[in-house]
């Protein structure tokens, strides 16, 4: 497969537009919209199109594309499954229709407690933001335990046991983390989002079509960026929401407009203060 024909040759956001920012606690999400007519049926969504079919020893994940389109394996995707050793990827990939791919440089995110794959519920996540840079630097290295130290440090941030078990956060904190799914609305036609933590741009996520982003949305907002927001949200309240003081409909509308304008200004200031960096295109797929 010639992936050079599938990946844009330049980072260009000119074809996209931004929606109304949404904020909860220290996290702000700005919806991104873009034309996806060309990619509507070309690329398969990751949840319904991909399945973890085999764990061959530690550090080897086999993923199958059983959809009708080209599957883009999300960068840093991992799986949690009962009675299976939990793994995550350090890279992405394209998988053709009906094909399978063995990732030999995957990382085990559960030190000890060996398991095996069974046909039970499996759900995928995206590595927490705190782990993504290190995982990216480790792509291509065949060592199943390569992320355990970083996971142990992350667990210590949350006052959890010092060991390389990512499920201590993703599974035991899942009830809290999934609340982000209701606090941030996935908008019809949305193909991506900007994620801002406090006043810093934390990530830009863009999918090839709306169906793809809809399926990766929970993994991003809850488990990737939600873990970081949970860490900074010390009191676990998602921040204090101050109600409008309006006593009639006209005042309420005016205060709503002013609130949105203030949020727009905050987002613009946050983006304007983001350091200018030169981006080099690097293919991280097989």
Protein backbone atom coordinates (compact mmCIF):
# COMPACT_ATOMS: atom_id res chain seq x y z
CA UNK A 1 0.00 0.00 0.00
CA UNK A 2 1.38 3.40 -0.98
CA UNK A 3 0.56 5.44 2.13
CA UNK A 4 2.15 8.55 0.58
CA UNK A 5 -1.05 8.80 -1.49
CA UNK A 6 -3.19 8.63 1.67
CA UNK A 7 -1.33 11.06 3.95
CA UNK A 8 -1.39 14.84 3.25
CA UNK A 9 2.03 16.11 2.27
CA UNK A 10 1.66 19.31 4.30
CA UNK A 11 0.04 20.36 7.55
CA UNK A 12 -2.74 22.68 6.39
CA UNK A 13 -5.80 23.74 8.40
CA UNK A 14 -7.13 26.19 5.82
CA UNK A 15 -9.94 23.82 4.79
CA UNK A 16 -11.24 23.53 8.34
CA UNK A 17 -13.36 25.80 10.51
CA UNK A 18 -13.78 25.98 14.26
CA UNK A 19 -16.98 25.69 16.28
CA UNK A 20 -18.11 27.17 19.59
CA UNK A 21 -15.63 26.33 22.38
CA UNK A 22 -16.81 24.16 25.24
CA UNK A 23 -15.30 24.32 28.71
CA UNK A 24 -15.47 22.18 31.83
CA UNK A 25 -13.04 22.75 34.66
CA UNK A 26 -9.55 23.34 33.30
CA UNK A 27 -10.23 21.72 29.91
CA UNK A 28 -11.51 23.55 26.85
CA UNK A 29 -12.47 21.72 23.66
CA UNK A 30 -12.85 23.57 20.35
CA UNK A 31 -14.73 21.52 17.70
CA UNK A 32 -13.19 21.31 14.23
CA UNK A 33 -15.25 20.84 11.08
CA UNK A 34 -14.02 19.99 7.62
CA UNK A 35 -15.29 18.55 4.36
CA UNK A 36 -15.25 14.76 4.52
CA UNK A 37 -17.25 13.90 1.39
CA UNK A 38 -14.19 12.37 -0.29
CA UNK A 39 -13.26 10.32 2.78
CA UNK A 40 -16.79 9.40 3.90
CA UNK A 41 -16.53 5.74 2.88
CA UNK A 42 -12.82 5.50 2.12
CA UNK A 43 -11.58 5.15 5.70
CA UNK A 44 -13.08 2.81 8.26
CA UNK A 45 -13.96 3.93 11.81
CA UNK A 46 -11.64 2.34 14.41
CA UNK A 47 -14.19 0.90 16.85
CA UNK A 48 -16.49 -0.84 14.38
CA UNK A 49 -13.79 -1.51 11.78
CA UNK A 50 -10.90 -2.83 13.87
CA UNK A 51 -10.58 -5.69 16.31
CA UNK A 52 -7.76 -6.95 18.47
CA UNK A 53 -7.58 -10.58 17.40
CA UNK A 54 -4.44 -11.90 19.04
CA UNK A 55 -1.79 -11.21 21.66
CA UNK A 56 1.24 -13.32 20.75
CA UNK A 57 3.37 -13.24 23.84
CA UNK A 58 4.20 -9.84 25.31
CA UNK A 59 4.59 -6.85 23.02
CA UNK A 60 2.87 -8.34 19.96
CA UNK A 61 -0.63 -7.20 19.00
CA UNK A 62 -2.50 -8.48 15.98
CA UNK A 63 -5.23 -6.17 14.72
CA UNK A 64 -7.68 -7.08 11.96
CA UNK A 65 -9.60 -4.77 9.65
CA UNK A 66 -12.98 -6.41 9.04
CA UNK A 67 -14.56 -3.32 7.46
CA UNK A 68 -15.18 -2.30 3.86
CA UNK A 69 -12.62 0.50 3.82
CA UNK A 70 -9.01 1.32 4.64
CA UNK A 71 -8.43 1.25 8.39
CA UNK A 72 -6.29 3.90 10.02
CA UNK A 73 -5.11 2.54 13.35
CA UNK A 74 -5.25 5.53 15.73
CA UNK A 75 -1.89 6.66 17.08
CA UNK A 76 -1.29 5.31 20.60
CA UNK A 77 -4.38 3.11 20.61
CA UNK A 78 -4.56 0.45 23.29
CA UNK A 79 -6.98 -2.22 24.44
CA UNK A 80 -8.35 -3.22 27.83
CA UNK A 81 -9.86 -6.69 27.93
CA UNK A 82 -10.78 -9.18 30.62
CA UNK A 83 -8.32 -12.08 30.95
CA UNK A 84 -5.93 -10.58 28.42
CA UNK A 85 -2.68 -8.73 28.85
CA UNK A 86 -3.42 -5.07 28.18
CA UNK A 87 -1.35 -3.52 25.40
CA UNK A 88 -1.00 -0.22 23.55
CA UNK A 89 0.69 0.91 20.35
CA UNK A 90 3.48 3.43 19.98
CA UNK A 91 2.66 4.13 16.34
CA UNK A 92 -0.11 4.12 13.77
CA UNK A 93 -0.75 2.06 10.64
CA UNK A 94 -2.89 1.56 7.57
CA UNK A 95 -4.57 -1.84 7.21
CA UNK A 96 -6.33 -2.78 3.98
CA UNK A 97 -9.83 -4.23 3.88
CA UNK A 98 -9.96 -7.78 5.29
CA UNK A 99 -6.27 -7.77 6.24
CA UNK A 100 -4.55 -8.20 9.58
CA UNK A 101 -1.31 -6.79 10.95
CA UNK A 102 0.92 -7.95 13.78
CA UNK A 103 2.50 -5.04 15.66
CA UNK A 104 5.75 -6.38 17.08
CA UNK A 105 6.73 -3.11 18.77
CA UNK A 106 3.63 -2.77 20.94
CA UNK A 107 4.05 -2.09 24.64
CA UNK A 108 2.48 -4.00 27.49
CA UNK A 109 0.70 -1.57 29.84
CA UNK A 110 0.13 -4.11 32.58
CA UNK A 111 3.25 -5.37 34.33
CA UNK A 112 2.77 -8.87 35.71
CA UNK A 113 -0.56 -10.69 35.84
CA UNK A 114 -0.16 -12.60 32.62
CA UNK A 115 -3.32 -13.20 30.63
CA UNK A 116 -4.66 -14.51 27.39
CA UNK A 117 -7.11 -13.22 24.81
CA UNK A 118 -10.72 -14.34 25.01
CA UNK A 119 -13.82 -13.39 23.03
CA UNK A 120 -15.14 -11.01 25.67
CA UNK A 121 -15.83 -7.32 25.81
CA UNK A 122 -12.80 -5.31 24.71
CA UNK A 123 -12.67 -1.53 24.68
CA UNK A 124 -9.97 0.66 23.28
CA UNK A 125 -8.37 3.78 24.64
CA UNK A 126 -5.78 6.32 23.58
CA UNK A 127 -2.72 6.57 25.81
CA UNK A 128 -3.00 9.37 28.39
CA UNK A 129 -1.42 12.63 27.31
CA UNK A 130 1.38 12.27 29.88
CA UNK A 131 2.59 9.09 28.12
CA UNK A 132 2.27 9.97 24.45
CA UNK A 133 5.59 11.70 23.83
CA UNK A 134 7.55 8.90 25.47
CA UNK A 135 5.57 6.26 23.59
CA UNK A 136 6.20 8.07 20.32
CA UNK A 137 9.94 8.08 20.98
CA UNK A 138 9.81 4.33 21.63
CA UNK A 139 8.07 3.38 18.39
CA UNK A 140 10.02 0.70 16.54
CA UNK A 141 11.69 -0.66 19.70
CA UNK A 142 10.72 -4.26 20.43
CA UNK A 143 10.50 -4.27 24.21
CA UNK A 144 7.16 -5.04 25.82
CA UNK A 145 8.13 -3.40 29.14
CA UNK A 146 9.44 -0.15 27.65
CA UNK A 147 6.60 1.99 29.01
CA UNK A 148 6.34 0.53 32.52
CA UNK A 149 8.56 3.16 34.19
CA UNK A 150 6.55 6.00 32.68
CA UNK A 151 3.28 4.34 33.72
CA UNK A 152 4.62 3.87 37.26
CA UNK A 153 5.48 7.59 37.47
CA UNK A 154 2.01 8.47 36.19
CA UNK A 155 0.39 6.27 38.83
CA UNK A 156 2.43 8.03 41.51
CA UNK A 157 1.04 11.38 40.32
CA UNK A 158 -2.40 10.10 41.25
CA UNK A 159 -1.26 8.59 44.55
CA UNK A 160 -1.68 5.07 43.21
CA UNK A 161 0.56 2.04 43.63
CA UNK A 162 3.98 2.42 42.02
CA UNK A 163 3.81 -0.16 39.24
CA UNK A 164 3.38 -0.30 35.49
CA UNK A 165 -0.36 -0.98 35.51
CA UNK A 166 -2.21 1.59 33.42
CA UNK A 167 -5.58 0.07 34.28
CA UNK A 168 -5.16 1.48 37.79
CA UNK A 169 -6.16 4.77 36.19
CA UNK A 170 -8.19 3.79 33.12
CA UNK A 171 -10.30 1.09 34.76
CA UNK A 172 -10.51 2.16 38.39
CA UNK A 173 -11.08 5.81 37.47
CA UNK A 174 -13.27 5.00 34.49
CA UNK A 175 -16.50 6.17 36.16
CA UNK A 176 -14.97 9.62 36.73
CA UNK A 177 -13.26 9.82 33.35
CA UNK A 178 -16.34 8.91 31.32
CA UNK A 179 -18.14 11.95 32.78
CA UNK A 180 -16.11 14.05 30.33
CA UNK A 181 -18.15 12.46 27.55
CA UNK A 182 -21.29 14.15 28.88
CA UNK A 183 -19.59 17.44 29.76
CA UNK A 184 -18.31 17.93 26.22
CA UNK A 185 -20.77 17.56 23.37
CA UNK A 186 -19.79 15.87 20.14
CA UNK A 187 -21.27 18.13 17.46
CA UNK A 188 -22.91 16.83 14.31
CA UNK A 189 -20.44 16.95 11.43
CA UNK A 190 -17.43 17.29 13.72
CA UNK A 191 -14.19 15.84 12.35
CA UNK A 192 -11.71 16.97 15.00
CA UNK A 193 -10.98 19.11 18.03
CA UNK A 194 -8.48 21.36 19.73
CA UNK A 195 -7.81 20.38 23.34
CA UNK A 196 -6.67 23.14 25.70
CA UNK A 197 -5.66 22.43 29.29
CA UNK A 198 -5.70 25.51 31.51
CA UNK A 199 -4.15 28.05 29.10
CA UNK A 200 -2.00 25.65 27.04
CA UNK A 201 -2.80 24.01 23.72
CA UNK A 202 -2.43 20.31 24.53
CA UNK A 203 -3.34 18.68 21.24
CA UNK A 204 -4.94 18.87 17.80
CA UNK A 205 -6.88 15.80 16.73
CA UNK A 206 -8.28 15.54 13.19
CA UNK A 207 -10.03 12.50 11.70
CA UNK A 208 -10.66 11.69 8.03
CA UNK A 209 -14.45 11.77 8.44
CA UNK A 210 -17.21 12.29 10.99
CA UNK A 211 -17.83 8.58 11.60
CA UNK A 212 -14.16 8.04 12.45
CA UNK A 213 -14.03 10.95 14.88
CA UNK A 214 -17.28 9.90 16.51
CA UNK A 215 -15.76 6.52 17.38
CA UNK A 216 -12.44 7.87 18.62
CA UNK A 217 -14.06 10.75 20.53
CA UNK A 218 -14.55 8.95 23.85
CA UNK A 219 -11.02 7.54 23.84
CA UNK A 220 -9.65 11.04 23.34
CA UNK A 221 -11.80 13.17 25.61
CA UNK A 222 -11.99 10.64 28.46
CA UNK A 223 -8.79 8.63 28.50
CA UNK A 224 -6.21 10.75 26.67
CA UNK A 225 -6.95 14.33 27.65
CA UNK A 226 -9.39 13.48 30.45
CA UNK A 227 -6.64 11.84 32.50
CA UNK A 228 -4.57 15.02 32.28
CA UNK A 229 -7.56 17.18 33.20
CA UNK A 230 -8.38 14.90 36.11
CA UNK A 231 -4.82 15.29 37.41
CA UNK A 232 -5.05 19.10 37.43
CA UNK A 233 -8.62 19.12 38.73
CA UNK A 234 -7.55 18.60 42.34
CA UNK A 235 -11.00 18.74 43.95
CA UNK A 236 -12.64 16.43 41.39
CA UNK A 237 -15.51 18.83 40.69
CA UNK A 238 -14.71 19.70 37.04
CA UNK A 239 -14.42 23.31 38.14
CA UNK A 240 -17.02 25.64 39.55
CA UNK A 241 -19.84 26.68 37.22
CA UNK A 242 -21.08 30.14 38.18
CA UNK A 243 -24.74 30.55 37.18
CA UNK A 244 -25.92 33.59 35.23
CA UNK A 245 -27.47 36.32 37.34
CA UNK A 246 -30.16 37.16 34.77
CA UNK A 247 -33.75 37.47 35.96
CA UNK A 248 -35.37 37.65 32.52
CA UNK A 249 -34.91 36.18 29.06
CA UNK A 250 -33.37 39.29 27.49
CA UNK A 251 -30.67 39.54 30.17
CA UNK A 252 -29.99 35.82 29.93
CA UNK A 253 -29.41 36.07 26.18
CA UNK A 254 -27.09 39.05 26.66
CA UNK A 255 -25.07 37.29 29.36
CA UNK A 256 -24.84 34.18 27.19
CA UNK A 257 -23.43 36.26 24.32
CA UNK A 258 -20.92 37.91 26.65
CA UNK A 259 -19.91 34.53 28.06
CA UNK A 260 -19.25 33.17 24.59
CA UNK A 261 -17.28 36.25 23.60
CA UNK A 262 -15.14 35.87 26.72
CA UNK A 263 -14.50 32.23 25.90
CA UNK A 264 -13.58 33.11 22.30
CA UNK A 265 -11.10 35.67 23.61
CA UNK A 266 -9.57 33.16 26.01
CA UNK A 267 -9.13 30.59 23.23
CA UNK A 268 -7.61 33.18 20.89
CA UNK A 269 -5.16 34.29 23.58
CA UNK A 270 -4.23 30.70 24.37
CA UNK A 271 -3.58 29.90 20.71
CA UNK A 272 -1.72 33.16 20.14
CA UNK A 273 0.62 32.39 23.04
CA UNK A 274 1.42 28.92 21.72
CA UNK A 275 5.13 28.91 20.76
CA UNK A 276 5.80 28.90 17.04
CA UNK A 277 7.44 25.66 15.97
CA UNK A 278 8.46 24.25 12.64
CA UNK A 279 6.71 20.98 11.89
CA UNK A 280 8.48 18.24 9.97
CA UNK A 281 6.32 15.56 8.37
CA UNK A 282 7.29 12.15 9.67
CA UNK A 283 5.57 8.93 8.65
CA UNK A 284 4.85 6.79 11.68
CA UNK A 285 2.91 4.06 9.92
CA UNK A 286 4.03 0.72 8.62
